[in-house]
Amino acid sequence: MIFGTTAGGMSLGEAYFRQATQLPCRYRQQPSRALLYQPQVQARMVRDALGVSGSITIVSNACASGSNAIGHAWESIRRGQTQRALAGGYDALSELVFAGFATLQSLSPTVCRPFDAQRDGLALGEGAAVLALESLEHANRRDALILGELIGYATSIDQHHLTQPHPQGNTALAVMKQACEVAGVVPEEVDYINAHGTGTPLNDIAEAIAISHWAGSRAATLPVSSTKASIGHLLGAAGAAGAVACLMALREQWLPSQAVFETPDSACNFLVVHESQDARVDVVLSNAFGFGGVNATLLMRRWA
């Protein structure tokens, strides 16, 4: 089991702190809060509930955590270290997380609209997304329903700024190129991108520049959308949720739409999908970027 998270059980930590400061002589529920606050314990509870065994790995590198958890699981299977893994991300809203983004003035006072010229911030969400990954041999042996094939993954850190991406999206561009090299595909073969697209002015323009440079002449006809406009930014679960959206696109042959979009930013040389539509989708790319300059890209292919 490889799970990505940023805040983990932060809400339990907040409850622990409140009781410790307001009612210091009362210890009811405090031991369980202190225990369940730890993300490895949360993962162990899932493992016990499912009745499975094996190691637990927690990935925590900001909003790329879910994608990196999936990528790490994929690489473990490729290297023969395991035949199957549960991997993904999760995060729940907490006052600390909300206050942190408010302090950074990253929250939208209106509505989240990634890649829109009038965008003014992100919307926080909460949730979880977990994939079952396994080798083809193992999947065939148990006659599994295969939803898609993970064919490429890359991650990097740009070291530009703690909370701001590189303005020209240099490392985002590099990680997209690297994932494509691993997968053996070129931009012309990619049918859809599930962008990180937070709706903040700095993130979206950097990612738009990176996508445009990476896609080249393909950019003009390349469908791109950010599902964060609908479900909010899930932080540690964001990349994993993006991967699930990509699998849905591959399986159902349609393009996920972006809920709110009016006027494209001038840096966007690609097509922003603002209405769901049927389409031929064989290869998809999913981006996830995080604080600290963490970048991760996943590539998936339709399983015929």
Protein backbone atom coordinates (compact mmCIF):
# COMPACT_ATOMS: atom_id res chain seq x y z
CA MET A 1 0.00 0.00 0.00
CA ILE A 2 1.41 3.36 -1.07
CA PHE A 3 -0.64 6.40 -0.09
CA GLY A 4 0.01 10.09 -0.63
CA THR A 5 -1.26 12.79 1.71
CA THR A 6 -0.39 16.28 2.89
CA ALA A 7 -2.42 16.88 6.04
CA GLY A 8 -3.21 13.28 6.95
CA GLY A 9 -5.31 13.33 10.13
CA MET A 10 -4.77 17.03 10.77
CA SER A 11 -8.39 17.47 11.93
CA LEU A 12 -7.70 14.96 14.72
CA GLY A 13 -4.59 16.91 15.65
CA GLU A 14 -6.65 20.08 15.84
CA ALA A 15 -9.20 18.39 18.11
CA TYR A 16 -6.36 17.13 20.31
CA PHE A 17 -4.88 20.62 20.59
CA ARG A 18 -8.23 22.26 21.41
CA GLN A 19 -8.95 19.85 24.22
CA ALA A 20 -5.38 20.05 25.53
CA THR A 21 -5.58 23.84 25.78
CA GLN A 22 -9.24 24.32 26.76
CA LEU A 23 -9.73 21.28 29.00
CA PRO A 24 -6.18 20.23 29.98
CA CYS A 25 -7.36 17.87 32.71
CA ARG A 26 -9.72 15.95 30.47
CA TYR A 27 -8.18 13.07 28.53
CA ARG A 28 -11.26 11.47 26.94
CA GLN A 29 -10.53 10.42 23.31
CA GLN A 30 -7.10 12.05 23.39
CA PRO A 31 -5.12 8.77 23.13
CA SER A 32 -7.05 7.68 20.03
CA ARG A 33 -6.66 11.13 18.44
CA ALA A 34 -2.91 11.03 19.01
CA LEU A 35 -2.74 7.54 17.50
CA LEU A 36 -5.03 8.03 14.50
CA TYR A 37 -3.39 11.36 13.63
CA GLN A 38 -0.47 9.40 12.16
CA PRO A 39 -0.94 8.67 8.45
CA GLN A 40 0.66 5.24 8.64
CA VAL A 41 -2.00 4.27 11.20
CA GLN A 42 -4.74 5.49 8.89
CA ALA A 43 -3.30 3.34 6.09
CA ARG A 44 -2.99 0.38 8.43
CA MET A 45 -6.68 0.67 9.31
CA VAL A 46 -7.53 0.46 5.61
CA ARG A 47 -5.23 -2.53 5.22
CA ASP A 48 -6.84 -4.30 8.19
CA ALA A 49 -10.35 -3.51 6.94
CA LEU A 50 -9.54 -5.06 3.55
CA GLY A 51 -7.80 -8.04 5.10
CA VAL A 52 -4.64 -7.60 3.04
CA SER A 53 -0.98 -7.78 3.98
CA GLY A 54 2.22 -6.14 2.87
CA SER A 55 4.22 -3.02 3.51
CA ILE A 56 2.86 0.52 3.92
CA THR A 57 4.56 3.55 2.38
CA ILE A 58 3.40 7.12 2.95
CA VAL A 59 4.36 9.76 0.37
CA SER A 60 4.04 13.37 1.49
CA ASN A 61 5.39 15.90 -0.98
CA ALA A 62 2.58 18.42 -1.27
CA CYS A 63 -0.03 18.24 -4.02
CA ALA A 64 1.99 15.79 -6.13
CA SER A 65 1.72 13.17 -3.37
CA GLY A 66 -1.08 11.11 -4.94
CA SER A 67 0.59 10.97 -8.36
CA ASN A 68 3.95 10.12 -6.85
CA ALA A 69 2.37 7.34 -4.77
CA ILE A 70 0.91 5.81 -7.94
CA GLY A 71 4.18 6.30 -9.81
CA HIS A 72 6.19 4.72 -7.00
CA ALA A 73 3.85 1.72 -6.97
CA TRP A 74 4.17 1.38 -10.74
CA GLU A 75 7.95 1.43 -10.57
CA SER A 76 7.93 -1.17 -7.78
CA ILE A 77 5.88 -3.49 -9.99
CA ARG A 78 8.12 -2.84 -13.02
CA ARG A 79 11.20 -3.70 -10.97
CA GLY A 80 9.64 -6.94 -9.78
CA GLN A 81 9.54 -5.87 -6.13
CA THR A 82 5.82 -6.64 -5.96
CA GLN A 83 3.10 -7.92 -8.26
CA ARG A 84 0.30 -5.73 -6.99
CA ALA A 85 -0.26 -2.59 -4.96
CA LEU A 86 -2.98 -0.25 -3.76
CA ALA A 87 -1.86 3.31 -4.44
CA GLY A 88 -3.41 6.75 -4.41
CA GLY A 89 -3.98 9.79 -2.27
CA TYR A 90 -6.30 11.25 0.35
CA ASP A 91 -6.81 14.44 2.31
CA ALA A 92 -9.55 15.95 4.46
CA LEU A 93 -10.22 19.62 5.03
CA SER A 94 -8.98 21.13 8.26
CA GLU A 95 -8.82 24.62 9.72
CA LEU A 96 -5.03 24.64 9.51
CA VAL A 97 -5.04 23.85 5.78
CA PHE A 98 -7.74 26.42 5.09
CA ALA A 99 -5.92 29.09 7.11
CA GLY A 100 -2.67 28.32 5.33
CA PHE A 101 -4.11 28.84 1.84
CA ALA A 102 -5.99 31.92 3.06
CA THR A 103 -2.73 33.39 4.35
CA LEU A 104 -1.14 32.79 0.96
CA GLN A 105 -4.14 34.58 -0.61
CA SER A 106 -4.60 31.57 -2.89
CA LEU A 107 -8.32 31.02 -2.28
CA SER A 108 -10.80 32.30 -4.84
CA PRO A 109 -13.35 34.80 -3.47
CA THR A 110 -15.62 33.94 -6.42
CA VAL A 111 -15.37 30.60 -8.24
CA CYS A 112 -12.45 28.43 -9.32
CA ARG A 113 -11.90 28.73 -13.09
CA PRO A 114 -8.53 27.32 -14.21
CA PHE A 115 -6.84 28.80 -17.29
CA ASP A 116 -9.43 31.58 -17.46
CA ALA A 117 -8.08 35.10 -17.94
CA GLN A 118 -10.19 36.25 -14.96
CA ARG A 119 -9.18 33.44 -12.58
CA ASP A 120 -8.57 34.55 -9.02
CA GLY A 121 -7.66 31.49 -6.98
CA LEU A 122 -8.40 27.92 -6.06
CA ALA A 123 -11.19 26.15 -4.21
CA LEU A 124 -10.30 23.55 -1.59
CA GLY A 125 -11.92 20.15 -1.62
CA GLU A 126 -11.46 16.86 0.19
CA GLY A 127 -11.54 13.26 -0.90
CA ALA A 128 -9.60 10.16 -1.79
CA ALA A 129 -8.72 8.19 -4.90
CA VAL A 130 -7.03 4.80 -4.86
CA LEU A 131 -6.04 2.54 -7.76
CA ALA A 132 -5.30 -1.17 -7.78
CA LEU A 133 -2.11 -1.66 -9.78
CA GLU A 134 -0.71 -5.04 -10.76
CA SER A 135 1.48 -6.75 -13.30
CA LEU A 136 -0.21 -7.97 -16.47
CA GLU A 137 0.69 -11.53 -15.56
CA HIS A 138 -1.04 -11.24 -12.21
CA ALA A 139 -4.09 -9.51 -13.71
CA ASN A 140 -4.50 -12.22 -16.33
CA ARG A 141 -4.07 -14.95 -13.75
CA ARG A 142 -7.04 -13.70 -11.77
CA ASP A 143 -9.01 -12.67 -14.88
CA ALA A 144 -9.16 -9.05 -13.74
CA LEU A 145 -11.10 -6.29 -15.45
CA ILE A 146 -8.33 -4.00 -16.71
CA LEU A 147 -9.37 -0.34 -16.79
CA GLY A 148 -6.21 1.00 -18.41
CA GLU A 149 -2.45 0.68 -18.64
CA LEU A 150 -0.02 2.97 -16.84
CA ILE A 151 2.81 3.47 -19.32
CA GLY A 152 4.85 6.43 -18.08
CA TYR A 153 5.78 8.35 -14.96
CA ALA A 154 8.28 11.02 -14.04
CA THR A 155 8.86 13.34 -11.10
CA SER A 156 11.23 16.19 -10.28
CA ILE A 157 11.80 19.21 -8.03
CA ASP A 158 12.57 22.61 -9.56
CA GLN A 159 13.87 24.32 -6.37
CA HIS A 160 12.54 27.66 -7.62
CA HIS A 161 10.37 28.78 -4.71
CA LEU A 162 8.61 27.25 -1.72
CA THR A 163 5.08 28.10 -2.91
CA GLN A 164 5.47 29.42 -6.48
CA PRO A 165 6.19 27.41 -9.63
CA HIS A 166 8.92 28.41 -12.04
CA PRO A 167 7.31 31.22 -14.09
CA GLN A 168 8.25 29.59 -17.39
CA GLY A 169 7.24 26.10 -16.27
CA ASN A 170 10.72 24.75 -17.04
CA THR A 171 10.62 21.76 -14.71
CA ALA A 172 6.97 21.02 -15.48
CA LEU A 173 8.01 20.86 -19.13
CA ALA A 174 10.95 18.62 -18.31
CA VAL A 175 8.87 16.16 -16.30
CA MET A 176 6.25 15.89 -19.07
CA LYS A 177 9.00 15.18 -21.59
CA GLN A 178 10.61 12.60 -19.31
CA ALA A 179 7.32 10.76 -18.71
CA CYS A 180 6.74 10.62 -22.47
CA GLU A 181 10.24 9.25 -23.03
CA VAL A 182 9.59 6.52 -20.46
CA ALA A 183 6.29 5.70 -22.17
CA GLY A 184 7.71 5.91 -25.66
CA VAL A 185 5.06 8.33 -26.90
CA VAL A 186 5.15 11.76 -28.53
CA PRO A 187 2.74 14.70 -28.00
CA GLU A 188 0.88 13.87 -31.22
CA GLU A 189 -0.19 10.57 -29.64
CA VAL A 190 -1.67 12.15 -26.50
CA ASP A 191 -5.45 12.61 -26.78
CA TYR A 192 -6.18 14.46 -23.54
CA ILE A 193 -4.43 16.16 -20.62
CA ASN A 194 -5.88 16.32 -17.13
CA ALA A 195 -4.04 19.43 -16.00
CA HIS A 196 -3.03 20.37 -12.49
CA GLY A 197 -4.88 23.64 -13.19
CA THR A 198 -5.50 25.09 -9.74
CA GLY A 199 -7.04 28.38 -10.89
CA THR A 200 -4.30 30.52 -9.34
CA PRO A 201 -2.65 33.11 -11.60
CA LEU A 202 0.91 31.80 -11.12
CA ASN A 203 0.26 28.05 -11.42
CA ASP A 204 -1.94 28.15 -14.48
CA ILE A 205 0.28 30.38 -16.59
CA ALA A 206 3.37 28.28 -15.78
CA GLU A 207 1.55 25.05 -16.66
CA ALA A 208 0.03 26.60 -19.80
CA ILE A 209 3.49 27.62 -21.02
CA ALA A 210 4.86 24.15 -20.24
CA ILE A 211 2.02 22.39 -22.07
CA SER A 212 2.31 24.68 -25.07
CA HIS A 213 6.07 24.17 -25.36
CA TRP A 214 5.76 20.42 -24.84
CA ALA A 215 2.94 19.97 -27.35
CA GLY A 216 4.35 22.22 -30.07
CA SER A 217 2.14 22.17 -33.17
CA ARG A 218 -0.15 19.64 -31.45
CA ALA A 219 -1.21 22.28 -28.88
CA ALA A 220 -3.78 23.89 -31.16
CA THR A 221 -5.92 20.73 -31.21
CA LEU A 222 -5.00 19.27 -27.79
CA PRO A 223 -7.94 18.90 -25.33
CA VAL A 224 -7.05 20.00 -21.79
CA SER A 225 -9.16 20.44 -18.68
CA SER A 226 -8.83 20.72 -14.92
CA THR A 227 -11.40 18.81 -12.88
CA LYS A 228 -10.53 21.00 -9.88
CA ALA A 229 -13.13 23.45 -11.15
CA SER A 230 -15.75 20.83 -10.23
CA ILE A 231 -14.39 18.98 -7.20
CA GLY A 232 -11.92 21.49 -5.78
CA HIS A 233 -8.25 21.01 -5.04
CA LEU A 234 -7.91 17.72 -3.16
CA LEU A 235 -4.27 18.38 -2.21
CA GLY A 236 -2.65 14.99 -1.54
CA ALA A 237 -5.45 13.28 -3.44
CA ALA A 238 -5.41 15.68 -6.41
CA GLY A 239 -3.05 13.70 -8.63
CA ALA A 240 -4.77 10.41 -7.85
CA ALA A 241 -8.19 11.92 -8.62
CA GLY A 242 -6.76 13.20 -11.90
CA ALA A 243 -5.58 9.69 -12.71
CA VAL A 244 -9.07 8.33 -12.04
CA ALA A 245 -10.57 10.99 -14.34
CA CYS A 246 -8.12 9.88 -17.02
CA LEU A 247 -9.10 6.23 -16.58
CA MET A 248 -12.76 7.21 -16.93
CA ALA A 249 -11.93 9.04 -20.17
CA LEU A 250 -10.09 5.99 -21.52
CA ARG A 251 -12.80 3.54 -20.56
CA GLU A 252 -15.85 5.58 -21.57
CA GLN A 253 -14.27 7.42 -24.54
CA TRP A 254 -15.16 10.97 -23.57
CA LEU A 255 -13.40 14.16 -22.51
CA PRO A 256 -13.91 15.36 -18.91
CA SER A 257 -15.13 18.93 -18.90
CA GLN A 258 -14.06 21.92 -16.86
CA ALA A 259 -17.09 23.24 -14.99
CA VAL A 260 -16.31 26.96 -15.28
CA PHE A 261 -14.49 28.58 -18.18
CA GLU A 262 -15.19 31.78 -20.07
CA THR A 263 -12.18 33.64 -21.48
CA PRO A 264 -8.94 31.73 -22.15
CA ASP A 265 -5.69 33.16 -20.84
CA SER A 266 -3.43 34.37 -23.65
CA ALA A 267 -0.83 31.76 -22.62
CA CYS A 268 -3.25 28.93 -23.41
CA ASN A 269 -2.52 27.70 -26.94
CA PHE A 270 -4.57 24.55 -26.36
CA LEU A 271 -8.27 23.66 -26.25
CA VAL A 272 -9.85 23.92 -22.81
CA VAL A 273 -12.69 21.39 -22.61
CA HIS A 274 -15.67 23.22 -21.10
CA GLU A 275 -18.35 20.77 -22.24
CA SER A 276 -18.14 17.00 -21.90
CA GLN A 277 -17.99 15.33 -25.30
CA ASP A 278 -17.48 11.93 -26.87
CA ALA A 279 -14.02 11.46 -28.35
CA ARG A 280 -11.48 8.86 -29.35
CA VAL A 281 -9.17 8.65 -26.35
CA ASP A 282 -6.25 6.21 -26.45
CA VAL A 283 -3.47 7.97 -24.50
CA VAL A 284 -3.90 10.45 -21.65
CA LEU A 285 -1.54 12.52 -19.55
CA SER A 286 -2.12 13.70 -15.97
CA ASN A 287 -0.14 16.48 -14.28
CA ALA A 288 0.23 17.15 -10.56
CA PHE A 289 2.41 19.93 -9.15
CA GLY A 290 2.98 20.94 -5.56
CA PHE A 291 4.60 23.37 -3.16
CA GLY A 292 8.35 23.11 -2.96
CA GLY A 293 8.51 22.74 -6.75
CA VAL A 294 7.46 19.08 -6.80
CA ASN A 295 6.27 18.01 -10.25
CA ALA A 296 4.79 14.65 -11.31
CA THR A 297 3.34 13.38 -14.58
CA LEU A 298 1.53 10.10 -15.29
CA LEU A 299 0.74 8.66 -18.72
CA MET A 300 -1.95 6.05 -19.30
CA ARG A 301 -3.13 4.11 -22.32
CA ARG A 302 -6.44 2.52 -23.22
CA TRP A 303 -6.55 -1.23 -22.73
CA ALA A 304 -8.11 -2.87 -25.76
